[in-house]
Amino acid sequence: MSETPIAEMSFEEAMRALEAIVTELDSGKVELEASIRLYERGAALKAHCEAKLKAAEEKVAAITFDAEGAPKGAEPFKAE
């Protein structure tokens, strides 16, 4: 298991690390203390991925259209 600091991971790196943790935990071959450490790192990776997704959503621009239906520009993404 990589011990790369989570804050330094890209979304893709964090997802791969999270998938590896899930696979390892699902194997049933991990001792209790190691399972707890893996679970804690998995929870932190999940939170990191959620934060990265939220940041990406905020960067998405919605195209606006004029009365004739032609694109007239973009405005910041607004989550509903």
PDB file of N, CA and C in Angstrom:
ATOM      1  N   MET A   1       0.857  -1.180   0.000  1.00  0.00           N
ATOM      2  CA  MET A   1       0.000   0.000   0.000  1.00  0.00           C
ATOM      3  C   MET A   1       0.897   1.235   0.000  1.00  0.00           C
ATOM      4  N   SER A   2       0.582   2.173  -0.863  1.00  0.00           N
ATOM      5  CA  SER A   2       1.321   3.424  -0.954  1.00  0.00           C
ATOM      6  C   SER A   2       1.008   4.304   0.240  1.00  0.00           C
ATOM      7  N   GLU A   3       2.043   4.917   0.759  1.00  0.00           N
ATOM      8  CA  GLU A   3       1.843   5.848   1.875  1.00  0.00           C
ATOM      9  C   GLU A   3       2.014   7.281   1.408  1.00  0.00           C
ATOM     10  N   THR A   4       1.780   7.537   0.127  1.00  0.00           N
ATOM     11  CA  THR A   4       1.829   8.891  -0.398  1.00  0.00           C
ATOM     12  C   THR A   4       0.839   9.745   0.377  1.00  0.00           C
ATOM     13  N   PRO A   5       1.251  10.940   0.813  1.00  0.00           N
ATOM     14  CA  PRO A   5       0.292  11.810   1.499  1.00  0.00           C
ATOM     15  C   PRO A   5      -0.928  12.057   0.614  1.00  0.00           C
ATOM     16  N   ILE A   6      -2.087  11.881   1.187  1.00  0.00           N
ATOM     17  CA  ILE A   6      -3.331  11.983   0.431  1.00  0.00           C
ATOM     18  C   ILE A   6      -3.492  13.362  -0.198  1.00  0.00           C
ATOM     19  N   ALA A   7      -3.107  14.398   0.509  1.00  0.00           N
ATOM     20  CA  ALA A   7      -3.260  15.756  -0.011  1.00  0.00           C
ATOM     21  C   ALA A   7      -2.466  15.976  -1.299  1.00  0.00           C
ATOM     22  N   GLU A   8      -1.435  15.161  -1.530  1.00  0.00           N
ATOM     23  CA  GLU A   8      -0.607  15.298  -2.732  1.00  0.00           C
ATOM     24  C   GLU A   8      -1.131  14.473  -3.905  1.00  0.00           C
ATOM     25  N   MET A   9      -2.159  13.668  -3.677  1.00  0.00           N
ATOM     26  CA  MET A   9      -2.674  12.782  -4.723  1.00  0.00           C
ATOM     27  C   MET A   9      -3.643  13.487  -5.653  1.00  0.00           C
ATOM     28  N   SER A  10      -3.578  13.086  -6.924  1.00  0.00           N
ATOM     29  CA  SER A  10      -4.602  13.526  -7.868  1.00  0.00           C
ATOM     30  C   SER A  10      -5.857  12.706  -7.581  1.00  0.00           C
ATOM     31  N   PHE A  11      -6.956  13.099  -8.202  1.00  0.00           N
ATOM     32  CA  PHE A  11      -8.198  12.344  -8.050  1.00  0.00           C
ATOM     33  C   PHE A  11      -7.992  10.892  -8.485  1.00  0.00           C
ATOM     34  N   GLU A  12      -7.347  10.707  -9.639  1.00  0.00           N
ATOM     35  CA  GLU A  12      -7.153   9.369 -10.185  1.00  0.00           C
ATOM     36  C   GLU A  12      -6.268   8.511  -9.275  1.00  0.00           C
ATOM     37  N   GLU A  13      -5.211   9.090  -8.743  1.00  0.00           N
ATOM     38  CA  GLU A  13      -4.340   8.355  -7.831  1.00  0.00           C
ATOM     39  C   GLU A  13      -5.101   7.941  -6.575  1.00  0.00           C
ATOM     40  N   ALA A  14      -5.884   8.854  -6.048  1.00  0.00           N
ATOM     41  CA  ALA A  14      -6.655   8.563  -4.842  1.00  0.00           C
ATOM     42  C   ALA A  14      -7.692   7.476  -5.097  1.00  0.00           C
ATOM     43  N   MET A  15      -8.333   7.506  -6.258  1.00  0.00           N
ATOM     44  CA  MET A  15      -9.318   6.471  -6.586  1.00  0.00           C
ATOM     45  C   MET A  15      -8.646   5.105  -6.705  1.00  0.00           C
ATOM     46  N   ARG A  16      -7.484   5.055  -7.354  1.00  0.00           N
ATOM     47  CA  ARG A  16      -6.770   3.778  -7.472  1.00  0.00           C
ATOM     48  C   ARG A  16      -6.380   3.257  -6.086  1.00  0.00           C
ATOM     49  N   ALA A  17      -5.901   4.137  -5.217  1.00  0.00           N
ATOM     50  CA  ALA A  17      -5.524   3.729  -3.861  1.00  0.00           C
ATOM     51  C   ALA A  17      -6.749   3.245  -3.093  1.00  0.00           C
ATOM     52  N   LEU A  18      -7.869   3.935  -3.249  1.00  0.00           N
ATOM     53  CA  LEU A  18      -9.103   3.529  -2.576  1.00  0.00           C
ATOM     54  C   LEU A  18      -9.574   2.165  -3.085  1.00  0.00           C
ATOM     55  N   GLU A  19      -9.524   1.953  -4.389  1.00  0.00           N
ATOM     56  CA  GLU A  19      -9.903   0.658  -4.957  1.00  0.00           C
ATOM     57  C   GLU A  19      -9.002  -0.461  -4.437  1.00  0.00           C
ATOM     58  N   ALA A  20      -7.708  -0.184  -4.290  1.00  0.00           N
ATOM     59  CA  ALA A  20      -6.779  -1.192  -3.769  1.00  0.00           C
ATOM     60  C   ALA A  20      -7.119  -1.537  -2.319  1.00  0.00           C
ATOM     61  N   ILE A  21      -7.488  -0.534  -1.545  1.00  0.00           N
ATOM     62  CA  ILE A  21      -7.872  -0.766  -0.152  1.00  0.00           C
ATOM     63  C   ILE A  21      -9.134  -1.615  -0.083  1.00  0.00           C
ATOM     64  N   VAL A  22     -10.119  -1.288  -0.887  1.00  0.00           N
ATOM     65  CA  VAL A  22     -11.369  -2.053  -0.886  1.00  0.00           C
ATOM     66  C   VAL A  22     -11.085  -3.503  -1.258  1.00  0.00           C
ATOM     67  N   THR A  23     -10.263  -3.717  -2.271  1.00  0.00           N
ATOM     68  CA  THR A  23      -9.917  -5.081  -2.694  1.00  0.00           C
ATOM     69  C   THR A  23      -9.219  -5.828  -1.562  1.00  0.00           C
ATOM     70  N   GLU A  24      -8.290  -5.148  -0.907  1.00  0.00           N
ATOM     71  CA  GLU A  24      -7.555  -5.786   0.187  1.00  0.00           C
ATOM     72  C   GLU A  24      -8.478  -6.126   1.354  1.00  0.00           C
ATOM     73  N   LEU A  25      -9.353  -5.197   1.712  1.00  0.00           N
ATOM     74  CA  LEU A  25     -10.289  -5.468   2.804  1.00  0.00           C
ATOM     75  C   LEU A  25     -11.270  -6.578   2.437  1.00  0.00           C
ATOM     76  N   ASP A  26     -11.704  -6.605   1.197  1.00  0.00           N
ATOM     77  CA  ASP A  26     -12.643  -7.637   0.741  1.00  0.00           C
ATOM     78  C   ASP A  26     -12.024  -9.033   0.725  1.00  0.00           C
ATOM     79  N   SER A  27     -10.711  -9.088   0.663  1.00  0.00           N
ATOM     80  CA  SER A  27     -10.043 -10.395   0.613  1.00  0.00           C
ATOM     81  C   SER A  27     -10.241 -11.181   1.904  1.00  0.00           C
ATOM     82  N   GLY A  28     -10.469 -10.478   3.004  1.00  0.00           N
ATOM     83  CA  GLY A  28     -10.656 -11.144   4.286  1.00  0.00           C
ATOM     84  C   GLY A  28      -9.370 -11.668   4.888  1.00  0.00           C
ATOM     85  N   LYS A  29      -8.236 -11.297   4.323  1.00  0.00           N
ATOM     86  CA  LYS A  29      -6.945 -11.807   4.781  1.00  0.00           C
ATOM     87  C   LYS A  29      -6.146 -10.765   5.556  1.00  0.00           C
ATOM     88  N   VAL A  30      -6.796  -9.694   5.963  1.00  0.00           N
ATOM     89  CA  VAL A  30      -6.109  -8.611   6.657  1.00  0.00           C
ATOM     90  C   VAL A  30      -6.440  -8.699   8.146  1.00  0.00           C
ATOM     91  N   GLU A  31      -5.399  -8.612   8.966  1.00  0.00           N
ATOM     92  CA  GLU A  31      -5.611  -8.660  10.415  1.00  0.00           C
ATOM     93  C   GLU A  31      -6.359  -7.414  10.875  1.00  0.00           C
ATOM     94  N   LEU A  32      -6.945  -7.514  12.058  1.00  0.00           N
ATOM     95  CA  LEU A  32      -7.821  -6.466  12.578  1.00  0.00           C
ATOM     96  C   LEU A  32      -7.147  -5.094  12.615  1.00  0.00           C
ATOM     97  N   GLU A  33      -5.972  -4.994  13.216  1.00  0.00           N
ATOM     98  CA  GLU A  33      -5.304  -3.687  13.322  1.00  0.00           C
ATOM     99  C   GLU A  33      -4.992  -3.103  11.948  1.00  0.00           C
ATOM    100  N   ALA A  34      -4.546  -3.941  11.038  1.00  0.00           N
ATOM    101  CA  ALA A  34      -4.268  -3.478   9.676  1.00  0.00           C
ATOM    102  C   ALA A  34      -5.564  -3.066   8.983  1.00  0.00           C
ATOM    103  N   SER A  35      -6.646  -3.783   9.244  1.00  0.00           N
ATOM    104  CA  SER A  35      -7.948  -3.438   8.667  1.00  0.00           C
ATOM    105  C   SER A  35      -8.400  -2.064   9.130  1.00  0.00           C
ATOM    106  N   ILE A  36      -8.186  -1.778  10.398  1.00  0.00           N
ATOM    107  CA  ILE A  36      -8.574  -0.466  10.939  1.00  0.00           C
ATOM    108  C   ILE A  36      -7.773   0.632  10.265  1.00  0.00           C
ATOM    109  N   ARG A  37      -6.453   0.440  10.119  1.00  0.00           N
ATOM    110  CA  ARG A  37      -5.617   1.447   9.447  1.00  0.00           C
ATOM    111  C   ARG A  37      -6.052   1.633   7.994  1.00  0.00           C
ATOM    112  N   LEU A  38      -6.336   0.522   7.310  1.00  0.00           N
ATOM    113  CA  LEU A  38      -6.787   0.610   5.920  1.00  0.00           C
ATOM    114  C   LEU A  38      -8.117   1.340   5.818  1.00  0.00           C
ATOM    115  N   TYR A  39      -9.028   1.029   6.716  1.00  0.00           N
ATOM    116  CA  TYR A  39     -10.339   1.678   6.705  1.00  0.00           C
ATOM    117  C   TYR A  39     -10.189   3.183   6.915  1.00  0.00           C
ATOM    118  N   GLU A  40      -9.347   3.580   7.858  1.00  0.00           N
ATOM    119  CA  GLU A  40      -9.141   5.012   8.128  1.00  0.00           C
ATOM    120  C   GLU A  40      -8.543   5.715   6.917  1.00  0.00           C
ATOM    121  N   ARG A  41      -7.560   5.075   6.276  1.00  0.00           N
ATOM    122  CA  ARG A  41      -6.969   5.684   5.077  1.00  0.00           C
ATOM    123  C   ARG A  41      -8.009   5.728   3.956  1.00  0.00           C
ATOM    124  N   GLY A  42      -8.812   4.685   3.836  1.00  0.00           N
ATOM    125  CA  GLY A  42      -9.868   4.672   2.827  1.00  0.00           C
ATOM    126  C   GLY A  42     -10.869   5.798   3.031  1.00  0.00           C
ATOM    127  N   ALA A  43     -11.236   6.052   4.286  1.00  0.00           N
ATOM    128  CA  ALA A  43     -12.175   7.145   4.579  1.00  0.00           C
ATOM    129  C   ALA A  43     -11.563   8.486   4.196  1.00  0.00           C
ATOM    130  N   ALA A  44     -10.268   8.655   4.473  1.00  0.00           N
ATOM    131  CA  ALA A  44      -9.591   9.907   4.111  1.00  0.00           C
ATOM    132  C   ALA A  44      -9.491  10.039   2.590  1.00  0.00           C
ATOM    133  N   LEU A  45      -9.221   8.937   1.895  1.00  0.00           N
ATOM    134  CA  LEU A  45      -9.164   8.973   0.430  1.00  0.00           C
ATOM    135  C   LEU A  45     -10.523   9.328  -0.160  1.00  0.00           C
ATOM    136  N   LYS A  46     -11.585   8.776   0.396  1.00  0.00           N
ATOM    137  CA  LYS A  46     -12.940   9.068  -0.075  1.00  0.00           C
ATOM    138  C   LYS A  46     -13.245  10.562   0.085  1.00  0.00           C
ATOM    139  N   ALA A  47     -12.895  11.117   1.234  1.00  0.00           N
ATOM    140  CA  ALA A  47     -13.127  12.548   1.475  1.00  0.00           C
ATOM    141  C   ALA A  47     -12.317  13.393   0.498  1.00  0.00           C
ATOM    142  N   HIS A  48     -11.091  12.978   0.222  1.00  0.00           N
ATOM    143  CA  HIS A  48     -10.235  13.698  -0.721  1.00  0.00           C
ATOM    144  C   HIS A  48     -10.849  13.681  -2.120  1.00  0.00           C
ATOM    145  N   CYS A  49     -11.337  12.507  -2.546  1.00  0.00           N
ATOM    146  CA  CYS A  49     -11.967  12.396  -3.865  1.00  0.00           C
ATOM    147  C   CYS A  49     -13.218  13.265  -3.954  1.00  0.00           C
ATOM    148  N   GLU A  50     -14.022  13.264  -2.911  1.00  0.00           N
ATOM    149  CA  GLU A  50     -15.228  14.098  -2.894  1.00  0.00           C
ATOM    150  C   GLU A  50     -14.870  15.575  -3.005  1.00  0.00           C
ATOM    151  N   ALA A  51     -13.819  16.003  -2.311  1.00  0.00           N
ATOM    152  CA  ALA A  51     -13.391  17.404  -2.374  1.00  0.00           C
ATOM    153  C   ALA A  51     -12.895  17.755  -3.779  1.00  0.00           C
ATOM    154  N   LYS A  52     -12.142  16.830  -4.392  1.00  0.00           N
ATOM    155  CA  LYS A  52     -11.661  17.070  -5.761  1.00  0.00           C
ATOM    156  C   LYS A  52     -12.830  17.186  -6.736  1.00  0.00           C
ATOM    157  N   LEU A  53     -13.844  16.331  -6.586  1.00  0.00           N
ATOM    158  CA  LEU A  53     -15.018  16.397  -7.459  1.00  0.00           C
ATOM    159  C   LEU A  53     -15.778  17.700  -7.273  1.00  0.00           C
ATOM    160  N   LYS A  54     -15.927  18.127  -6.031  1.00  0.00           N
ATOM    161  CA  LYS A  54     -16.628  19.382  -5.754  1.00  0.00           C
ATOM    162  C   LYS A  54     -15.890  20.557  -6.394  1.00  0.00           C
ATOM    163  N   ALA A  55     -14.573  20.559  -6.276  1.00  0.00           N
ATOM    164  CA  ALA A  55     -13.774  21.627  -6.882  1.00  0.00           C
ATOM    165  C   ALA A  55     -13.930  21.620  -8.404  1.00  0.00           C
ATOM    166  N   ALA A  56     -13.978  20.431  -8.990  1.00  0.00           N
ATOM    167  CA  ALA A  56     -14.152  20.333 -10.443  1.00  0.00           C
ATOM    168  C   ALA A  56     -15.525  20.839 -10.860  1.00  0.00           C
ATOM    169  N   GLU A  57     -16.559  20.493 -10.092  1.00  0.00           N
ATOM    170  CA  GLU A  57     -17.914  20.953 -10.403  1.00  0.00           C
ATOM    171  C   GLU A  57     -17.987  22.472 -10.410  1.00  0.00           C
ATOM    172  N   GLU A  58     -17.276  23.094  -9.483  1.00  0.00           N
ATOM    173  CA  GLU A  58     -17.314  24.549  -9.384  1.00  0.00           C
ATOM    174  C   GLU A  58     -16.655  25.226 -10.575  1.00  0.00           C
ATOM    175  N   LYS A  59     -15.800  24.487 -11.282  1.00  0.00           N
ATOM    176  CA  LYS A  59     -15.119  25.050 -12.447  1.00  0.00           C
ATOM    177  C   LYS A  59     -15.910  24.883 -13.737  1.00  0.00           C
ATOM    178  N   VAL A  60     -16.913  24.029 -13.698  1.00  0.00           N
ATOM    179  CA  VAL A  60     -17.702  23.767 -14.901  1.00  0.00           C
ATOM    180  C   VAL A  60     -18.519  25.016 -15.232  1.00  0.00           C
ATOM    181  N   ALA A  61     -18.510  25.382 -16.483  1.00  0.00           N
ATOM    182  CA  ALA A  61     -19.278  26.555 -16.911  1.00  0.00           C
ATOM    183  C   ALA A  61     -20.518  26.110 -17.672  1.00  0.00           C
ATOM    184  N   ALA A  62     -21.615  26.784 -17.410  1.00  0.00           N
ATOM    185  CA  ALA A  62     -22.855  26.520 -18.128  1.00  0.00           C
ATOM    186  C   ALA A  62     -22.948  27.497 -19.299  1.00  0.00           C
ATOM    187  N   ILE A  63     -23.151  26.981 -20.470  1.00  0.00           N
ATOM    188  CA  ILE A  63     -23.272  27.853 -21.648  1.00  0.00           C
ATOM    189  C   ILE A  63     -24.650  28.509 -21.623  1.00  0.00           C
ATOM    190  N   THR A  64     -24.660  29.814 -21.834  1.00  0.00           N
ATOM    191  CA  THR A  64     -25.927  30.547 -21.896  1.00  0.00           C
ATOM    192  C   THR A  64     -26.268  30.826 -23.355  1.00  0.00           C
ATOM    193  N   PHE A  65     -27.558  30.939 -23.621  1.00  0.00           N
ATOM    194  CA  PHE A  65     -28.029  31.150 -24.988  1.00  0.00           C
ATOM    195  C   PHE A  65     -28.848  32.431 -25.061  1.00  0.00           C
ATOM    196  N   ASP A  66     -28.810  33.054 -26.235  1.00  0.00           N
ATOM    197  CA  ASP A  66     -29.625  34.252 -26.441  1.00  0.00           C
ATOM    198  C   ASP A  66     -31.025  33.836 -26.883  1.00  0.00           C
ATOM    199  N   ALA A  67     -31.873  34.801 -27.200  1.00  0.00           N
ATOM    200  CA  ALA A  67     -33.264  34.541 -27.562  1.00  0.00           C
ATOM    201  C   ALA A  67     -33.390  33.667 -28.814  1.00  0.00           C
ATOM    202  N   GLU A  68     -32.403  33.714 -29.699  1.00  0.00           N
ATOM    203  CA  GLU A  68     -32.447  32.914 -30.920  1.00  0.00           C
ATOM    204  C   GLU A  68     -31.853  31.521 -30.726  1.00  0.00           C
ATOM    205  N   GLY A  69     -31.367  31.230 -29.544  1.00  0.00           N
ATOM    206  CA  GLY A  69     -30.793  29.917 -29.257  1.00  0.00           C
ATOM    207  C   GLY A  69     -29.318  29.802 -29.555  1.00  0.00           C
ATOM    208  N   ALA A  70     -28.679  30.907 -29.903  1.00  0.00           N
ATOM    209  CA  ALA A  70     -27.248  30.876 -30.187  1.00  0.00           C
ATOM    210  C   ALA A  70     -26.466  31.055 -28.876  1.00  0.00           C
ATOM    211  N   PRO A  71     -25.334  30.366 -28.738  1.00  0.00           N
ATOM    212  CA  PRO A  71     -24.531  30.539 -27.517  1.00  0.00           C
ATOM    213  C   PRO A  71     -24.080  31.983 -27.399  1.00  0.00           C
ATOM    214  N   LYS A  72     -24.205  32.543 -26.200  1.00  0.00           N
ATOM    215  CA  LYS A  72     -23.779  33.937 -26.010  1.00  0.00           C
ATOM    216  C   LYS A  72     -22.683  34.070 -24.960  1.00  0.00           C
ATOM    217  N   GLY A  73     -22.323  33.013 -24.299  1.00  0.00           N
ATOM    218  CA  GLY A  73     -21.256  33.087 -23.311  1.00  0.00           C
ATOM    219  C   GLY A  73     -21.371  31.971 -22.298  1.00  0.00           C
ATOM    220  N   ALA A  74     -20.668  32.129 -21.211  1.00  0.00           N
ATOM    221  CA  ALA A  74     -20.670  31.112 -20.167  1.00  0.00           C
ATOM    222  C   ALA A  74     -20.820  31.798 -18.822  1.00  0.00           C
ATOM    223  N   GLU A  75     -21.370  31.064 -17.892  1.00  0.00           N
ATOM    224  CA  GLU A  75     -21.474  31.566 -16.537  1.00  0.00           C
ATOM    225  C   GLU A  75     -21.038  30.449 -15.591  1.00  0.00           C
ATOM    226  N   PRO A  76     -20.620  30.780 -14.386  1.00  0.00           N
ATOM    227  CA  PRO A  76     -20.172  29.745 -13.455  1.00  0.00           C
ATOM    228  C   PRO A  76     -21.245  28.715 -13.186  1.00  0.00           C
ATOM    229  N   PHE A  77     -20.814  27.483 -12.955  1.00  0.00           N
ATOM    230  CA  PHE A  77     -21.719  26.396 -12.611  1.00  0.00           C
ATOM    231  C   PHE A  77     -22.392  26.694 -11.302  1.00  0.00           C
ATOM    232  N   LYS A  78     -23.702  26.456 -11.236  1.00  0.00           N
ATOM    233  CA  LYS A  78     -24.474  26.663 -10.011  1.00  0.00           C
ATOM    234  C   LYS A  78     -25.108  25.340  -9.629  1.00  0.00           C
ATOM    235  N   ALA A  79     -24.652  24.769  -8.536  1.00  0.00           N
ATOM    236  CA  ALA A  79     -25.245  23.506  -8.054  1.00  0.00           C
ATOM    237  C   ALA A  79     -26.617  23.796  -7.480  1.00  0.00           C
ATOM    238  N   GLU A  80     -27.537  22.898  -7.748  1.00  0.00           N
ATOM    239  CA  GLU A  80     -28.909  23.101  -7.248  1.00  0.00           C
ATOM    240  C   GLU A  80     -29.164  22.250  -6.050  1.00  0.00           C
TER     241      GLU A  80
END
